[in-house]
Amino acid sequence: MTLYQYLPQSEEQWKLKQRFIEFIEDNPDAYLRSNLQGHLTASVFAVDEDKILLIHHKKLDKWLQPGGHCDGNPDTLEVALKELWEETGILVEAEQQEVIDLDIHLIPERKDVPAHYHYDVRYLVKADSKAPIIQNHETNEILWIPFSEIEDYTSEDSILRVIERISSEN
């Protein structure tokens, strides 16, 4: 499923989808991080029954879902699954994956990069929590966290919103 096929479940998500489409149409470089106004990213909520896989991101010092920059690739599902593999060692097939959420968030200024927005396309995938995890240099830690304990790790509204949606659908 692509961003264009995504059928949002809330008015807020419909508005975000429209903002994404307008941003892409207005910015031929929307998928490149050289666009210093903002650019598309893709991430994945990997779940196994009542657990979610989160990484502790080194640069941002936060618990987040795996994901990263599109770097010119408009196939956000491919990007999300590649990032899952690179950051955790978990491989998931690309079939039947769905966009579950859209999010636009401000990335703070760093020494060589001005503050800018990430337009994040977020996918839900089923994964095996017993599969071996391979940590890379971008993470401090990787954990399968029960939904019931998620607030012990993060207060990010965008993550809690997705957990609430996943929990209500199960």
N, C-alpha and C. Protein backbone atom coordinates (compact mmCIF):
# COMPACT_ATOMS: atom_id res chain seq x y z
N MET A 1 0.85 -1.19 0.00
CA MET A 1 0.00 0.00 0.00
C MET A 1 0.88 1.24 0.00
N THR A 2 0.47 2.20 -0.77
CA THR A 2 1.22 3.46 -0.84
C THR A 2 0.50 4.55 -0.05
N LEU A 3 1.16 5.66 0.09
CA LEU A 3 0.57 6.83 0.72
C LEU A 3 -0.75 7.18 0.03
N TYR A 4 -0.78 7.09 -1.29
CA TYR A 4 -1.96 7.48 -2.04
C TYR A 4 -3.13 6.51 -1.83
N GLN A 5 -2.85 5.27 -1.50
CA GLN A 5 -3.90 4.27 -1.24
C GLN A 5 -4.38 4.28 0.20
N TYR A 6 -3.63 4.92 1.08
CA TYR A 6 -3.95 4.95 2.50
C TYR A 6 -5.32 5.59 2.74
N LEU A 7 -6.16 4.89 3.50
CA LEU A 7 -7.48 5.39 3.88
C LEU A 7 -7.46 5.71 5.37
N PRO A 8 -7.23 6.97 5.71
CA PRO A 8 -7.12 7.36 7.12
C PRO A 8 -8.38 7.05 7.92
N GLN A 9 -8.17 6.82 9.21
CA GLN A 9 -9.26 6.49 10.13
C GLN A 9 -9.75 7.70 10.92
N SER A 10 -9.11 8.84 10.73
CA SER A 10 -9.52 10.03 11.48
C SER A 10 -9.41 11.26 10.59
N GLU A 11 -10.10 12.31 10.99
CA GLU A 11 -10.04 13.57 10.25
C GLU A 11 -8.62 14.12 10.27
N GLU A 12 -7.95 14.01 11.41
CA GLU A 12 -6.57 14.48 11.51
C GLU A 12 -5.67 13.79 10.49
N GLN A 13 -5.82 12.47 10.35
CA GLN A 13 -5.01 11.73 9.39
C GLN A 13 -5.36 12.10 7.94
N TRP A 14 -6.64 12.39 7.65
CA TRP A 14 -7.01 12.85 6.31
C TRP A 14 -6.32 14.16 5.99
N LYS A 15 -6.28 15.08 6.96
CA LYS A 15 -5.63 16.37 6.76
C LYS A 15 -4.12 16.18 6.54
N LEU A 16 -3.52 15.28 7.31
CA LEU A 16 -2.09 15.00 7.13
C LEU A 16 -1.83 14.41 5.75
N LYS A 17 -2.69 13.51 5.31
CA LYS A 17 -2.50 12.92 3.98
C LYS A 17 -2.51 14.01 2.92
N GLN A 18 -3.42 14.95 3.04
CA GLN A 18 -3.49 16.05 2.07
C GLN A 18 -2.23 16.90 2.13
N ARG A 19 -1.71 17.16 3.33
CA ARG A 19 -0.46 17.93 3.46
C ARG A 19 0.71 17.18 2.82
N PHE A 20 0.77 15.87 2.99
CA PHE A 20 1.82 15.06 2.36
C PHE A 20 1.75 15.20 0.85
N ILE A 21 0.55 15.01 0.31
CA ILE A 21 0.38 15.06 -1.15
C ILE A 21 0.77 16.44 -1.68
N GLU A 22 0.33 17.49 -1.02
CA GLU A 22 0.69 18.85 -1.44
C GLU A 22 2.20 19.07 -1.37
N PHE A 23 2.82 18.57 -0.30
CA PHE A 23 4.27 18.73 -0.14
C PHE A 23 5.01 18.02 -1.27
N ILE A 24 4.60 16.81 -1.59
CA ILE A 24 5.24 16.04 -2.66
C ILE A 24 5.04 16.74 -4.01
N GLU A 25 3.82 17.22 -4.26
CA GLU A 25 3.54 17.89 -5.54
C GLU A 25 4.30 19.22 -5.67
N ASP A 26 4.50 19.92 -4.56
CA ASP A 26 5.17 21.22 -4.58
C ASP A 26 6.69 21.13 -4.51
N ASN A 27 7.22 19.94 -4.20
CA ASN A 27 8.66 19.78 -3.99
C ASN A 27 9.18 18.59 -4.79
N PRO A 28 9.76 18.82 -5.95
CA PRO A 28 10.30 17.70 -6.73
C PRO A 28 11.38 16.92 -5.96
N ASP A 29 11.99 17.56 -4.96
CA ASP A 29 13.02 16.92 -4.15
C ASP A 29 12.47 16.48 -2.78
N ALA A 30 11.18 16.18 -2.71
CA ALA A 30 10.55 15.83 -1.43
C ALA A 30 11.13 14.57 -0.80
N TYR A 31 11.72 13.68 -1.61
CA TYR A 31 12.27 12.43 -1.09
C TYR A 31 13.77 12.51 -0.80
N LEU A 32 14.33 13.72 -0.91
CA LEU A 32 15.77 13.91 -0.69
C LEU A 32 16.03 14.73 0.56
N ARG A 33 16.99 14.31 1.35
CA ARG A 33 17.30 15.07 2.56
C ARG A 33 17.98 16.39 2.26
N SER A 34 18.37 16.60 1.01
CA SER A 34 18.92 17.91 0.62
C SER A 34 17.85 18.99 0.62
N ASN A 35 16.57 18.62 0.65
CA ASN A 35 15.49 19.59 0.81
C ASN A 35 15.48 19.98 2.28
N LEU A 36 16.02 21.14 2.58
CA LEU A 36 16.20 21.54 3.98
C LEU A 36 14.93 22.08 4.63
N GLN A 37 13.86 22.24 3.84
CA GLN A 37 12.56 22.58 4.42
C GLN A 37 11.99 21.33 5.10
N GLY A 38 12.14 20.20 4.44
CA GLY A 38 11.66 18.93 4.95
C GLY A 38 11.79 17.87 3.88
N HIS A 39 11.55 16.62 4.26
CA HIS A 39 11.65 15.52 3.31
C HIS A 39 10.93 14.29 3.86
N LEU A 40 10.64 13.37 2.96
CA LEU A 40 9.93 12.16 3.36
C LEU A 40 10.86 11.17 4.03
N THR A 41 10.30 10.51 5.03
CA THR A 41 10.95 9.42 5.72
C THR A 41 9.93 8.29 5.78
N ALA A 42 10.39 7.11 6.17
CA ALA A 42 9.48 5.97 6.29
C ALA A 42 9.89 5.17 7.52
N SER A 43 8.90 4.68 8.23
CA SER A 43 9.19 3.89 9.43
C SER A 43 8.20 2.73 9.54
N VAL A 44 8.50 1.87 10.49
CA VAL A 44 7.72 0.65 10.60
C VAL A 44 7.42 0.34 12.07
N PHE A 45 6.16 0.03 12.32
CA PHE A 45 5.74 -0.48 13.62
C PHE A 45 5.68 -1.99 13.49
N ALA A 46 6.71 -2.66 13.97
CA ALA A 46 6.77 -4.12 13.93
C ALA A 46 6.12 -4.64 15.20
N VAL A 47 5.10 -5.48 15.05
CA VAL A 47 4.38 -6.01 16.21
C VAL A 47 4.34 -7.53 16.15
N ASP A 48 4.25 -8.10 17.33
CA ASP A 48 4.05 -9.54 17.50
C ASP A 48 3.05 -9.69 18.65
N GLU A 49 1.82 -10.00 18.28
CA GLU A 49 0.70 -10.09 19.23
C GLU A 49 0.56 -8.79 20.02
N ASP A 50 0.95 -8.76 21.29
CA ASP A 50 0.76 -7.55 22.10
C ASP A 50 2.08 -6.86 22.44
N LYS A 51 3.06 -7.01 21.55
CA LYS A 51 4.37 -6.38 21.75
C LYS A 51 4.75 -5.58 20.51
N ILE A 52 5.54 -4.54 20.73
CA ILE A 52 6.04 -3.71 19.64
C ILE A 52 7.55 -3.59 19.76
N LEU A 53 8.22 -3.55 18.62
CA LEU A 53 9.66 -3.41 18.58
C LEU A 53 10.03 -1.93 18.52
N LEU A 54 10.79 -1.47 19.49
CA LEU A 54 11.27 -0.09 19.50
C LEU A 54 12.79 -0.08 19.63
N ILE A 55 13.38 0.97 19.06
CA ILE A 55 14.82 1.18 19.19
C ILE A 55 15.05 2.42 20.03
N HIS A 56 16.15 2.42 20.77
CA HIS A 56 16.56 3.65 21.45
C HIS A 56 17.56 4.33 20.53
N HIS A 57 17.12 5.42 19.91
CA HIS A 57 17.88 6.13 18.87
C HIS A 57 19.00 6.94 19.51
N LYS A 58 20.23 6.71 19.05
CA LYS A 58 21.39 7.40 19.64
C LYS A 58 21.33 8.92 19.47
N LYS A 59 21.13 9.40 18.25
CA LYS A 59 21.18 10.85 18.00
C LYS A 59 20.03 11.59 18.69
N LEU A 60 18.85 11.00 18.68
CA LEU A 60 17.69 11.68 19.25
C LEU A 60 17.45 11.34 20.72
N ASP A 61 18.15 10.32 21.23
CA ASP A 61 18.03 9.89 22.63
C ASP A 61 16.57 9.64 23.01
N LYS A 62 15.86 8.88 22.13
CA LYS A 62 14.45 8.57 22.35
C LYS A 62 14.18 7.14 21.89
N TRP A 63 13.13 6.56 22.48
CA TRP A 63 12.61 5.29 21.99
C TRP A 63 11.68 5.57 20.82
N LEU A 64 11.97 4.97 19.68
CA LEU A 64 11.20 5.20 18.46
C LEU A 64 11.05 3.89 17.68
N GLN A 65 10.16 3.90 16.71
CA GLN A 65 10.05 2.78 15.79
C GLN A 65 11.21 2.89 14.79
N PRO A 66 11.68 1.76 14.23
CA PRO A 66 12.73 1.83 13.22
C PRO A 66 12.27 2.61 11.99
N GLY A 67 13.18 3.34 11.38
CA GLY A 67 12.84 4.09 10.18
C GLY A 67 13.98 4.98 9.76
N GLY A 68 13.78 5.66 8.64
CA GLY A 68 14.83 6.54 8.17
C GLY A 68 14.46 7.30 6.91
N HIS A 69 15.46 7.96 6.35
CA HIS A 69 15.30 8.81 5.18
C HIS A 69 15.05 8.00 3.92
N CYS A 70 14.27 8.57 3.02
CA CYS A 70 14.00 7.92 1.73
C CYS A 70 15.19 8.05 0.78
N ASP A 71 15.98 9.11 0.93
CA ASP A 71 17.17 9.32 0.09
C ASP A 71 16.89 9.11 -1.39
N GLY A 72 15.79 9.71 -1.86
CA GLY A 72 15.45 9.67 -3.27
C GLY A 72 14.54 8.53 -3.69
N ASN A 73 14.30 7.57 -2.82
CA ASN A 73 13.45 6.42 -3.16
C ASN A 73 11.99 6.75 -2.81
N PRO A 74 11.11 6.86 -3.80
CA PRO A 74 9.71 7.17 -3.51
C PRO A 74 8.91 5.96 -3.00
N ASP A 75 9.52 4.77 -2.98
CA ASP A 75 8.85 3.57 -2.48
C ASP A 75 9.04 3.52 -0.96
N THR A 76 8.11 4.16 -0.24
CA THR A 76 8.28 4.29 1.22
C THR A 76 8.21 2.95 1.93
N LEU A 77 7.46 1.98 1.40
CA LEU A 77 7.43 0.66 2.02
C LEU A 77 8.80 0.00 1.92
N GLU A 78 9.41 0.08 0.76
CA GLU A 78 10.75 -0.48 0.59
C GLU A 78 11.73 0.17 1.56
N VAL A 79 11.63 1.48 1.70
CA VAL A 79 12.52 2.21 2.61
C VAL A 79 12.29 1.75 4.06
N ALA A 80 11.04 1.66 4.46
CA ALA A 80 10.71 1.27 5.84
C ALA A 80 11.25 -0.13 6.17
N LEU A 81 11.06 -1.07 5.24
CA LEU A 81 11.52 -2.44 5.49
C LEU A 81 13.04 -2.53 5.46
N LYS A 82 13.68 -1.74 4.61
CA LYS A 82 15.15 -1.69 4.58
C LYS A 82 15.68 -1.15 5.91
N GLU A 83 15.03 -0.11 6.42
CA GLU A 83 15.46 0.47 7.70
C GLU A 83 15.26 -0.52 8.85
N LEU A 84 14.14 -1.24 8.84
CA LEU A 84 13.91 -2.27 9.86
C LEU A 84 15.04 -3.29 9.84
N TRP A 85 15.40 -3.74 8.65
CA TRP A 85 16.48 -4.72 8.50
C TRP A 85 17.82 -4.14 8.97
N GLU A 86 18.14 -2.93 8.52
CA GLU A 86 19.43 -2.33 8.88
C GLU A 86 19.56 -2.04 10.37
N GLU A 87 18.46 -1.62 10.99
CA GLU A 87 18.53 -1.20 12.40
C GLU A 87 18.33 -2.35 13.38
N THR A 88 17.70 -3.45 12.94
CA THR A 88 17.37 -4.51 13.89
C THR A 88 17.77 -5.92 13.42
N GLY A 89 18.05 -6.08 12.13
CA GLY A 89 18.34 -7.40 11.59
C GLY A 89 17.10 -8.22 11.32
N ILE A 90 15.92 -7.63 11.49
CA ILE A 90 14.66 -8.36 11.26
C ILE A 90 14.20 -8.13 9.83
N LEU A 91 13.96 -9.24 9.15
CA LEU A 91 13.53 -9.20 7.75
C LEU A 91 12.04 -9.53 7.68
N VAL A 92 11.29 -8.67 6.98
CA VAL A 92 9.85 -8.85 6.82
C VAL A 92 9.54 -8.75 5.33
N GLU A 93 8.68 -9.62 4.85
CA GLU A 93 8.28 -9.58 3.44
C GLU A 93 7.46 -8.34 3.15
N ALA A 94 7.54 -7.85 1.92
CA ALA A 94 6.87 -6.62 1.53
C ALA A 94 5.39 -6.81 1.18
N GLU A 95 4.92 -8.04 1.14
CA GLU A 95 3.53 -8.28 0.76
C GLU A 95 2.57 -7.89 1.89
N GLN A 96 1.44 -7.31 1.51
CA GLN A 96 0.32 -7.06 2.41
C GLN A 96 0.64 -6.11 3.57
N GLN A 97 1.61 -5.24 3.41
CA GLN A 97 1.92 -4.28 4.47
C GLN A 97 1.07 -3.04 4.25
N GLU A 98 0.60 -2.45 5.33
CA GLU A 98 -0.29 -1.31 5.19
C GLU A 98 0.24 -0.07 5.90
N VAL A 99 -0.06 1.08 5.30
CA VAL A 99 0.21 2.35 5.99
C VAL A 99 -0.76 2.41 7.16
N ILE A 100 -0.22 2.66 8.33
CA ILE A 100 -1.10 2.76 9.51
C ILE A 100 -1.20 4.19 10.03
N ASP A 101 -0.24 5.04 9.63
CA ASP A 101 -0.21 6.37 10.23
C ASP A 101 0.69 7.27 9.39
N LEU A 102 0.38 8.56 9.46
CA LEU A 102 1.24 9.59 8.89
C LEU A 102 1.60 10.56 10.00
N ASP A 103 2.80 11.10 9.94
CA ASP A 103 3.21 12.04 10.98
C ASP A 103 4.19 13.05 10.39
N ILE A 104 4.02 14.28 10.78
CA ILE A 104 4.96 15.34 10.42
C ILE A 104 5.55 15.86 11.72
N HIS A 105 6.86 15.78 11.85
CA HIS A 105 7.49 16.24 13.09
C HIS A 105 8.76 17.03 12.78
N LEU A 106 9.04 17.97 13.65
CA LEU A 106 10.20 18.84 13.51
C LEU A 106 11.44 18.15 14.06
N ILE A 107 12.47 18.14 13.25
CA ILE A 107 13.77 17.63 13.68
C ILE A 107 14.59 18.85 14.10
N PRO A 108 15.11 18.85 15.32
CA PRO A 108 15.84 20.04 15.80
C PRO A 108 17.14 20.28 15.02
N GLU A 109 17.56 21.53 15.04
CA GLU A 109 18.82 21.91 14.39
C GLU A 109 19.98 21.16 15.05
N ARG A 110 20.89 20.70 14.20
CA ARG A 110 22.15 20.13 14.68
C ARG A 110 23.26 20.97 14.07
N LYS A 111 24.48 20.74 14.48
CA LYS A 111 25.57 21.62 14.07
C LYS A 111 25.66 21.85 12.56
N ASP A 112 25.39 20.84 11.74
CA ASP A 112 25.55 21.01 10.30
C ASP A 112 24.23 20.95 9.52
N VAL A 113 23.10 20.83 10.22
CA VAL A 113 21.80 20.71 9.56
C VAL A 113 20.78 21.61 10.27
N PRO A 114 20.11 22.49 9.51
CA PRO A 114 19.09 23.33 10.15
C PRO A 114 17.87 22.51 10.56
N ALA A 115 17.07 23.07 11.44
CA ALA A 115 15.81 22.41 11.81
C ALA A 115 14.99 22.20 10.54
N HIS A 116 14.31 21.07 10.46
CA HIS A 116 13.52 20.74 9.27
C HIS A 116 12.45 19.73 9.66
N TYR A 117 11.53 19.48 8.75
CA TYR A 117 10.43 18.55 9.02
C TYR A 117 10.65 17.21 8.35
N HIS A 118 10.25 16.17 9.07
CA HIS A 118 10.17 14.82 8.51
C HIS A 118 8.71 14.52 8.26
N TYR A 119 8.41 14.15 7.04
CA TYR A 119 7.08 13.69 6.63
C TYR A 119 7.17 12.17 6.64
N ASP A 120 6.74 11.56 7.74
CA ASP A 120 6.97 10.14 7.97
C ASP A 120 5.75 9.29 7.58
N VAL A 121 5.95 8.38 6.63
CA VAL A 121 4.94 7.40 6.25
C VAL A 121 5.22 6.16 7.09
N ARG A 122 4.21 5.71 7.85
CA ARG A 122 4.42 4.65 8.84
C ARG A 122 3.62 3.40 8.49
N TYR A 123 4.32 2.28 8.52
CA TYR A 123 3.72 1.00 8.16
C TYR A 123 3.58 0.10 9.39
N LEU A 124 2.60 -0.76 9.33
CA LEU A 124 2.39 -1.80 10.35
C LEU A 124 2.80 -3.12 9.73
N VAL A 125 3.69 -3.85 10.41
CA VAL A 125 4.10 -5.17 9.94
C VAL A 125 4.07 -6.16 11.10
N LYS A 126 3.80 -7.40 10.75
CA LYS A 126 3.89 -8.48 11.73
C LYS A 126 5.31 -9.03 11.68
N ALA A 127 5.88 -9.24 12.84
CA ALA A 127 7.25 -9.77 12.92
C ALA A 127 7.32 -10.77 14.06
N ASP A 128 8.37 -11.56 14.07
CA ASP A 128 8.56 -12.60 15.08
C ASP A 128 9.45 -12.06 16.20
N SER A 129 8.87 -11.92 17.39
CA SER A 129 9.64 -11.37 18.52
C SER A 129 10.72 -12.33 19.01
N LYS A 130 10.71 -13.56 18.51
CA LYS A 130 11.75 -14.52 18.89
C LYS A 130 12.92 -14.51 17.90
N ALA A 131 12.77 -13.79 16.80
CA ALA A 131 13.86 -13.69 15.81
C ALA A 131 15.04 -12.97 16.43
N PRO A 132 16.25 -13.38 16.06
CA PRO A 132 17.43 -12.70 16.61
C PRO A 132 17.48 -11.24 16.19
N ILE A 133 17.92 -10.40 17.10
CA ILE A 133 18.05 -8.97 16.84
C ILE A 133 19.52 -8.65 16.67
N ILE A 134 19.81 -7.85 15.66
CA ILE A 134 21.17 -7.40 15.41
C ILE A 134 21.18 -5.88 15.53
N GLN A 135 21.87 -5.39 16.53
CA GLN A 135 21.90 -3.95 16.79
C GLN A 135 22.95 -3.29 15.90
N ASN A 136 22.64 -2.11 15.37
CA ASN A 136 23.63 -1.39 14.59
C ASN A 136 24.10 -0.14 15.34
N HIS A 137 24.95 0.65 14.67
CA HIS A 137 25.58 1.81 15.28
C HIS A 137 24.62 2.97 15.58
N GLU A 138 23.40 2.93 15.03
CA GLU A 138 22.45 4.03 15.22
C GLU A 138 21.61 3.88 16.49
N THR A 139 21.72 2.74 17.15
CA THR A 139 20.86 2.47 18.30
C THR A 139 21.67 2.18 19.56
N ASN A 140 21.08 2.54 20.70
CA ASN A 140 21.65 2.18 21.99
C ASN A 140 21.11 0.84 22.46
N GLU A 141 19.85 0.57 22.09
CA GLU A 141 19.19 -0.65 22.55
C GLU A 141 17.98 -0.92 21.65
N ILE A 142 17.59 -2.19 21.57
CA ILE A 142 16.41 -2.60 20.81
C ILE A 142 15.62 -3.55 21.70
N LEU A 143 14.33 -3.27 21.86
CA LEU A 143 13.50 -4.10 22.74
C LEU A 143 12.13 -4.38 22.14
N TRP A 144 11.61 -5.57 22.45
CA TRP A 144 10.19 -5.87 22.24
C TRP A 144 9.48 -5.44 23.51
N ILE A 145 8.58 -4.48 23.39
CA ILE A 145 7.93 -3.90 24.57
C ILE A 145 6.44 -4.24 24.54
N PRO A 146 5.91 -4.81 25.62
CA PRO A 146 4.47 -5.06 25.67
C PRO A 146 3.71 -3.73 25.56
N PHE A 147 2.60 -3.76 24.84
CA PHE A 147 1.78 -2.55 24.70
C PHE A 147 1.47 -1.94 26.06
N SER A 148 1.21 -2.79 27.04
CA SER A 148 0.83 -2.32 28.38
C SER A 148 1.95 -1.55 29.08
N GLU A 149 3.19 -1.67 28.60
CA GLU A 149 4.34 -1.01 29.23
C GLU A 149 4.89 0.14 28.38
N ILE A 150 4.25 0.45 27.28
CA ILE A 150 4.80 1.40 26.32
C ILE A 150 5.06 2.78 26.95
N GLU A 151 4.20 3.21 27.85
CA GLU A 151 4.37 4.54 28.46
C GLU A 151 5.56 4.60 29.42
N ASP A 152 6.12 3.44 29.78
CA ASP A 152 7.35 3.42 30.56
C ASP A 152 8.56 3.79 29.70
N TYR A 153 8.40 3.75 28.38
CA TYR A 153 9.50 4.00 27.45
C TYR A 153 9.35 5.29 26.65
N THR A 154 8.12 5.66 26.36
CA THR A 154 7.92 6.85 25.53
C THR A 154 6.63 7.56 25.88
N SER A 155 6.67 8.87 25.69
CA SER A 155 5.45 9.67 25.82
C SER A 155 5.12 10.32 24.47
N GLU A 156 5.78 9.86 23.41
CA GLU A 156 5.55 10.41 22.06
C GLU A 156 4.11 10.13 21.63
N ASP A 157 3.34 11.20 21.44
CA ASP A 157 1.94 11.05 21.04
C ASP A 157 1.78 10.22 19.78
N SER A 158 2.70 10.41 18.83
CA SER A 158 2.56 9.71 17.56
C SER A 158 2.74 8.19 17.71
N ILE A 159 3.52 7.76 18.67
CA ILE A 159 3.67 6.32 18.93
C ILE A 159 2.48 5.82 19.73
N LEU A 160 2.09 6.56 20.76
CA LEU A 160 0.95 6.14 21.59
C LEU A 160 -0.33 6.06 20.76
N ARG A 161 -0.49 6.97 19.80
CA ARG A 161 -1.65 6.98 18.92
C ARG A 161 -1.73 5.67 18.11
N VAL A 162 -0.59 5.23 17.61
CA VAL A 162 -0.56 4.00 16.82
C VAL A 162 -0.81 2.79 17.71
N ILE A 163 -0.21 2.76 18.89
CA ILE A 163 -0.44 1.64 19.81
C ILE A 163 -1.91 1.54 20.16
N GLU A 164 -2.55 2.68 20.42
CA GLU A 164 -3.98 2.69 20.74
C GLU A 164 -4.79 2.12 19.57
N ARG A 165 -4.44 2.52 18.38
CA ARG A 165 -5.17 2.01 17.20
C ARG A 165 -4.97 0.50 17.04
N ILE A 166 -3.73 0.05 17.15
CA ILE A 166 -3.45 -1.39 17.01
C ILE A 166 -4.18 -2.17 18.08
N SER A 167 -4.12 -1.70 19.31
CA SER A 167 -4.78 -2.39 20.44
C SER A 167 -6.28 -2.48 20.25
N SER A 168 -6.88 -1.42 19.73
CA SER A 168 -8.34 -1.42 19.56
C SER A 168 -8.79 -2.32 18.42
N GLU A 169 -7.90 -2.59 17.48
CA GLU A 169 -8.23 -3.47 16.34
C GLU A 169 -8.05 -4.93 16.67
N ASN A 170 -7.32 -5.23 17.74
CA ASN A 170 -7.07 -6.66 18.11
C ASN A 170 -8.11 -7.18 19.05
